[in-house]
Protein backbone atom coordinates (compact mmCIF):
# COMPACT_ATOMS: atom_id res chain seq x y z
CA MET A 1 4.66 23.68 -5.49
CA ALA A 2 6.37 20.30 -5.28
CA LEU A 3 7.74 18.91 -2.04
CA ILE A 4 11.40 17.89 -2.32
CA LEU A 5 13.12 15.14 -0.35
CA ASN A 6 15.16 17.32 2.01
CA ARG A 7 12.17 19.44 2.98
CA ARG A 8 10.07 16.31 3.48
CA ASN A 9 12.70 14.83 5.79
CA ILE A 10 13.40 17.95 7.84
CA ARG A 11 10.19 19.98 7.76
CA TYR A 12 7.62 17.19 8.08
CA ILE A 13 9.08 13.80 8.99
CA GLY A 14 11.67 15.26 11.37
CA ARG A 15 9.15 17.56 13.03
CA TYR A 16 6.01 15.45 13.17
CA ASN A 17 7.24 11.85 13.42
CA ASP A 18 8.59 10.77 16.78
CA ARG A 19 11.31 8.23 16.00
CA SER A 20 10.31 6.12 18.98
CA ARG A 21 7.09 5.29 17.11
CA TYR A 22 8.77 4.14 13.88
CA PRO A 23 8.80 0.45 14.93
CA LEU A 24 4.99 0.52 14.87
CA VAL A 25 5.07 1.01 11.11
CA ASP A 26 8.48 -0.38 10.11
CA ASP A 27 7.45 -3.81 11.42
CA LYS A 28 4.40 -5.13 9.56
CA LEU A 29 3.57 -7.58 12.34
CA LYS A 30 3.45 -4.77 14.91
CA THR A 31 1.32 -2.72 12.52
CA LYS A 32 -1.12 -5.60 12.09
CA LEU A 33 -1.46 -6.19 15.84
CA LEU A 34 -1.90 -2.45 16.48
CA ALA A 35 -4.59 -2.24 13.78
CA GLN A 36 -6.47 -5.13 15.38
CA GLN A 37 -6.46 -3.26 18.69
CA HIS A 38 -8.03 -0.24 16.95
CA GLY A 39 -10.63 -2.25 15.04
CA ILE A 40 -9.01 -1.67 11.66
CA THR A 41 -9.31 -4.59 9.23
CA THR A 42 -6.13 -6.11 7.78
CA PRO A 43 -5.49 -9.26 5.71
CA ALA A 44 -5.87 -12.37 7.87
CA LEU A 45 -2.64 -13.65 9.42
CA ILE A 46 -2.12 -17.35 8.72
CA GLY A 47 1.06 -17.54 10.77
CA THR A 48 4.63 -16.37 11.29
CA VAL A 49 8.03 -18.00 10.93
CA THR A 50 10.65 -16.68 13.32
CA THR A 51 13.50 -19.22 13.26
CA GLN A 52 15.33 -21.23 10.61
CA PHE A 53 14.26 -24.38 12.45
CA ASP A 54 10.61 -23.53 11.68
CA VAL A 55 11.12 -23.01 7.94
CA LYS A 56 10.08 -26.61 7.26
CA ARG A 57 6.66 -25.82 8.80
CA VAL A 58 5.67 -23.45 5.98
CA ALA A 59 4.13 -26.06 3.68
CA ALA A 60 1.93 -27.43 6.46
CA MET A 61 0.99 -23.88 7.52
CA VAL A 62 -0.43 -22.97 4.10
CA ASP A 63 -1.86 -26.38 3.17
CA ALA A 64 -5.47 -25.42 3.95
CA HIS A 65 -5.22 -22.04 2.17
CA PRO A 66 -5.62 -22.01 -1.64
CA GLY A 67 -3.77 -18.71 -1.99
CA PHE A 68 -1.45 -16.85 0.34
CA VAL A 69 1.24 -14.18 0.59
CA ILE A 70 4.64 -14.47 2.27
CA LYS A 71 6.32 -11.19 3.19
CA PRO A 72 9.13 -9.87 5.40
CA ALA A 73 7.93 -8.03 8.50
CA LYS A 74 10.57 -5.32 8.00
CA GLY A 75 10.72 -5.20 4.22
CA SER A 76 10.27 -2.08 2.14
CA GLY A 77 9.50 -1.15 -1.46
CA GLY A 78 7.71 -4.42 -2.15
CA LYS A 79 10.92 -6.44 -1.81
CA GLY A 80 10.62 -10.01 -0.62
CA ILE A 81 6.85 -10.30 -1.15
CA LEU A 82 5.88 -13.65 -2.64
CA VAL A 83 2.31 -14.09 -3.86
CA ILE A 84 0.96 -17.60 -4.43
CA GLU A 85 -2.39 -17.67 -6.20
CA HIS A 86 -3.03 -21.38 -5.66
CA HIS A 87 -1.20 -24.64 -5.08
CA ASP A 88 -1.60 -28.29 -5.97
CA GLY A 89 0.28 -31.52 -5.58
CA ASP A 90 2.96 -30.39 -8.03
CA GLY A 91 3.79 -27.03 -6.57
CA TYR A 92 2.85 -23.43 -5.82
CA ILE A 93 1.67 -21.18 -8.64
CA LYS A 94 2.36 -17.44 -8.80
CA PRO A 95 -0.13 -15.06 -10.51
CA SER A 96 2.15 -15.12 -13.57
CA GLY A 97 1.69 -18.88 -13.85
CA HIS A 98 5.27 -19.58 -12.78
CA ARG A 99 5.41 -22.72 -10.66
CA LEU A 100 7.49 -23.03 -7.50
CA GLN A 101 8.38 -26.12 -5.51
CA ARG A 102 8.30 -26.57 -1.76
CA GLU A 103 12.06 -26.04 -1.67
CA ASP A 104 11.62 -22.64 -3.36
CA LEU A 105 9.09 -21.62 -0.73
CA GLU A 106 11.38 -22.67 2.10
CA ARG A 107 14.37 -20.92 0.52
CA HIS A 108 12.39 -17.70 0.22
CA VAL A 109 11.32 -17.83 3.88
CA SER A 110 14.89 -18.61 4.93
CA ASN A 111 16.13 -15.56 2.99
CA ILE A 112 13.55 -13.39 4.75
CA LEU A 113 14.72 -14.60 8.16
CA SER A 114 18.33 -13.89 7.28
CA GLY A 115 17.45 -10.24 6.57
CA LEU A 116 17.88 -10.28 2.80
CA TYR A 117 14.89 -7.95 2.31
CA SER A 118 14.77 -6.09 5.62
CA LEU A 119 15.73 -2.50 6.34
CA GLY A 120 19.44 -2.49 7.17
CA GLY A 121 19.76 -6.23 6.55
CA THR A 122 18.75 -7.10 10.11
CA PRO A 123 17.29 -10.55 10.96
CA ASP A 124 13.59 -10.62 10.20
CA VAL A 125 10.32 -12.50 10.63
CA ALA A 126 8.28 -13.98 7.78
CA LEU A 127 4.55 -13.23 7.77
CA VAL A 128 2.15 -15.56 5.99
CA GLU A 129 -1.17 -13.89 5.15
CA SER A 130 -4.35 -14.86 3.36
CA LEU A 131 -4.57 -13.81 -0.27
CA ILE A 132 -6.71 -10.73 -0.77
CA ALA A 133 -9.84 -11.22 -2.88
CA PHE A 134 -9.65 -7.76 -4.43
CA ASP A 135 -12.75 -5.95 -5.62
CA GLU A 136 -13.78 -7.30 -9.04
CA THR A 137 -14.60 -3.82 -10.33
CA LEU A 138 -10.85 -3.17 -10.39
CA SER A 139 -9.81 -6.31 -12.28
CA ALA A 140 -9.53 -4.56 -15.65
CA TYR A 141 -7.08 -2.03 -14.23
CA THR A 142 -4.44 -4.45 -12.97
CA TYR A 143 -2.38 -7.37 -14.22
CA GLU A 144 -1.52 -10.45 -12.14
CA GLY A 145 -1.62 -8.59 -8.86
CA VAL A 146 -3.62 -6.65 -6.31
CA PRO A 147 -3.97 -2.87 -6.80
CA ASP A 148 -3.51 -0.74 -3.71
CA VAL A 149 -4.24 2.83 -2.67
CA ARG A 150 -1.57 5.05 -1.11
CA VAL A 151 -2.86 8.02 0.89
CA ILE A 152 -0.54 10.63 2.39
CA VAL A 153 -1.92 11.64 5.79
CA PHE A 154 -0.65 14.80 7.48
CA LYS A 155 -1.75 15.62 11.02
CA GLY A 156 -4.66 13.25 10.44
CA TYR A 157 -5.79 14.90 7.17
CA PRO A 158 -5.73 12.84 3.96
CA VAL A 159 -3.88 15.26 1.67
CA MET A 160 -3.10 13.28 -1.49
CA ALA A 161 -3.89 9.83 -2.90
CA MET A 162 -3.00 7.49 -5.74
CA MET A 163 -3.79 3.94 -6.83
CA ARG A 164 -0.93 1.68 -7.83
CA LEU A 165 -1.74 -0.88 -10.53
CA SER A 166 0.44 -3.92 -11.06
CA THR A 167 1.75 -4.77 -14.53
CA ALA A 168 3.71 -7.52 -16.27
CA ALA A 169 6.78 -5.30 -15.90
CA SER A 170 6.29 -5.06 -12.13
CA ASP A 171 5.81 -8.85 -11.81
CA GLY A 172 2.34 -8.38 -10.38
CA LYS A 173 3.51 -6.01 -7.64
CA ALA A 174 2.02 -2.56 -7.05
CA ASN A 175 5.40 -0.85 -6.94
CA LEU A 176 6.04 2.17 -9.17
CA HIS A 177 9.83 1.69 -9.20
CA GLN A 178 9.33 -1.81 -10.58
CA GLY A 179 7.01 -0.65 -13.40
CA ALA A 180 3.54 -0.46 -11.87
CA VAL A 181 1.19 2.28 -13.10
CA GLY A 182 0.38 5.08 -10.68
CA VAL A 183 -2.97 6.86 -10.98
CA GLY A 184 -3.59 10.06 -9.06
CA LEU A 185 -6.95 10.16 -7.30
CA ASP A 186 -9.27 13.07 -6.53
CA ILE A 187 -9.54 13.28 -2.72
CA ALA A 188 -13.18 14.35 -2.99
CA SER A 189 -14.42 11.45 -5.13
CA GLY A 190 -11.79 8.75 -5.66
CA LEU A 191 -11.89 9.42 -9.41
CA ALA A 192 -8.79 9.05 -11.59
CA LEU A 193 -6.83 12.25 -12.25
CA ARG A 194 -3.66 11.30 -14.10
CA GLY A 195 -1.85 8.09 -15.03
CA VAL A 196 1.94 7.63 -14.91
CA GLN A 197 4.31 4.75 -15.67
CA HIS A 198 8.10 5.07 -15.53
CA ASP A 199 7.63 8.81 -14.89
CA ARG A 200 5.71 9.25 -18.17
CA PRO A 201 2.00 10.03 -18.66
CA ARG A 202 -0.19 6.99 -19.30
CA SER A 203 -3.87 6.94 -20.31
CA ASP A 204 -4.41 3.17 -20.39
CA HIS A 205 -3.13 0.04 -18.68
CA PRO A 206 -0.15 -1.36 -20.65
CA ASP A 207 -1.29 -5.00 -20.35
CA THR A 208 -5.09 -4.93 -20.20
CA GLY A 209 -5.47 -1.88 -22.47
CA HIS A 210 -8.23 -0.58 -20.19
CA ASP A 211 -8.84 3.16 -20.14
CA LEU A 212 -7.64 4.68 -16.86
CA ALA A 213 -10.06 7.62 -17.05
CA SER A 214 -12.94 5.38 -15.99
CA LEU A 215 -11.22 4.35 -12.76
CA ARG A 216 -13.15 5.15 -9.59
CA VAL A 217 -12.22 3.64 -6.23
CA PRO A 218 -15.16 1.93 -4.47
CA ALA A 219 -16.02 2.72 -0.83
CA TRP A 220 -13.94 5.89 -1.11
CA ASP A 221 -15.28 7.67 1.98
CA THR A 222 -14.71 4.57 4.12
CA LEU A 223 -11.16 4.29 2.79
CA LEU A 224 -10.38 7.94 3.58
CA ASN A 225 -11.74 7.63 7.11
CA LEU A 226 -9.64 4.53 7.62
CA ALA A 227 -6.52 6.35 6.40
CA ALA A 228 -7.18 9.39 8.58
CA SER A 229 -7.70 7.26 11.69
CA CYS A 230 -4.16 5.90 11.35
CA TYR A 231 -2.98 9.23 12.79
CA GLU A 232 -4.50 8.41 16.17
CA MET A 233 -3.44 4.78 15.86
CA THR A 234 0.27 5.51 15.35
CA GLY A 235 0.83 9.01 16.71
CA LEU A 236 2.75 9.83 13.51
CA GLY A 237 2.01 13.21 11.96
CA TYR A 238 3.28 12.44 8.47
CA LEU A 239 2.71 8.99 7.04
CA GLY A 240 1.66 6.96 4.04
CA THR A 241 -1.18 4.48 4.38
CA ASP A 242 -1.39 1.61 1.90
CA MET A 243 -4.80 -0.02 1.54
CA VAL A 244 -6.48 -2.64 -0.59
CA LEU A 245 -10.12 -3.17 -1.47
CA ASP A 246 -11.32 -6.66 -0.61
CA ARG A 247 -14.59 -7.78 -2.20
CA HIS A 248 -15.77 -9.29 1.11
CA HIS A 249 -14.34 -6.91 3.72
CA GLY A 250 -14.07 -3.59 1.85
CA PRO A 251 -11.03 -1.33 2.47
CA MET A 252 -8.28 -3.07 4.41
CA LEU A 253 -5.02 -1.67 5.78
CA LEU A 254 -2.03 -3.34 4.15
CA GLU A 255 0.83 -1.39 5.71
CA LEU A 256 2.03 2.01 6.87
CA ASN A 257 5.09 4.05 5.97
CA ALA A 258 6.71 6.73 8.11
CA ARG A 259 8.79 7.93 5.12
CA PRO A 260 6.42 7.77 2.12
CA GLY A 261 7.95 8.61 -1.24
CA LEU A 262 7.18 11.66 -3.34
CA ALA A 263 6.13 10.04 -6.65
CA ILE A 264 2.52 10.61 -5.62
CA GLN A 265 3.00 14.25 -6.69
CA MET A 266 3.74 13.16 -10.26
CA THR A 267 0.65 10.95 -10.44
CA ASN A 268 -1.46 13.88 -9.22
CA GLY A 269 0.23 16.47 -11.40
CA GLU A 270 0.43 18.70 -8.34
CA GLY A 271 2.80 19.42 -5.46
CA LEU A 272 2.14 18.55 -1.83
CA ARG A 273 3.43 21.74 -0.23
CA PRO A 274 0.32 23.96 -0.63
CA ARG A 275 -1.87 21.23 0.91
CA LEU A 276 0.53 20.65 3.79
CA ASP A 277 0.75 24.40 4.44
CA LEU A 278 -3.06 24.65 4.59
CA VAL A 279 -3.34 21.74 7.02
CA GLU A 280 -0.67 23.24 9.28
CA ARG A 281 -2.85 26.32 9.71
CA GLN A 282 -5.80 24.27 10.99
CA PRO A 283 -6.51 24.01 14.74
CA ASP A 284 -5.86 20.73 16.53
CA GLY A 285 -8.59 18.57 18.01
CA LYS A 286 -10.68 17.91 14.89
CA SER A 287 -12.35 14.49 14.60
CA VAL A 288 -11.56 11.98 11.86
CA ALA A 289 -14.82 12.83 10.07
CA GLU A 290 -14.11 16.57 10.26
CA ARG A 291 -10.61 16.14 8.87
CA VAL A 292 -11.82 14.01 5.98
CA ALA A 293 -14.59 16.48 5.17
CA PHE A 294 -12.07 19.34 5.19
CA ALA A 295 -9.78 17.46 2.80
CA GLN A 296 -12.61 16.58 0.43
CA THR A 297 -13.72 20.21 0.34
CA HIS A 298 -10.35 21.89 -0.04
CA PHE A 299 -8.39 19.38 -2.12
CA ALA A 300 -11.05 18.46 -4.68
CA ARG A 301 -9.94 18.77 -8.28
CA ARG A 302 -10.46 17.52 -11.82
CA GLY A 303 -7.55 15.88 -13.61
CA GLU A 304 -6.47 15.51 -17.21
CA LEU A 305 -7.86 11.97 -17.51
CA GLN A 306 -11.33 13.17 -16.50
CA ALA A 307 -11.10 16.19 -18.76
CA ALA A 308 -10.18 13.98 -21.70
CA SER A 309 -12.97 11.45 -21.09
């Protein structure tokens, strides 16, 4: 049975998410600092820009870093994220090959500060992070961008997961609304279940042509334990955890979402409600490892991609 928006908002977010804790996840800088306190790995922070006066510092800030990402601290839906794969004396090159000049970089940061990409249009802070060296085993499944894994965590239990694969249509961003491919993942194994793009089934990547059925997320157990531990870290009962797989550091927390969308149900070909109902019946006080083991036992399944392979 599918979970609809109103029920998500009232039954789960309204009941299990204390609004006073929203700033911990709505502000990516606060999330990063909180994760560091809890020993959870995140992409390295190169620096922050907080005032228009400091915008001119950006070029010097990134000079020693071949690749980097600039993002709004309070952005949502992938808006305002600028990925630079490398730079040289003539400019800054995006994964698509498009070249930007220093003025473009400064204009983008200035727009972030003015609140162009933030929730509610409020003034924001620009974060500059190191570029993620994503796991090479995933390179055939993505195009000009870093794939990420969204896990819905309810009361500390990982209940549903998907991988988001960037495409030419999504401009290298792992955002389903912009044209990325979503692949449902089996909670027990990290194996692909079902591929979707633009709300339609998809069995291969539109740009690389690679078969999605062969997708299996590396370090899956570590990733699930990391996702589950975000419950204790934030105190939020219903949240989405977005993670990436770095070839040097393994699973890393990218960001958290107190109001995760419902498209994950389509990529899994299954509704969230039965899983949430089962978790609600479980006693409190279980450890992270116990919650992950429960999820892997009770939510294991085989999807149409596996069946067809």
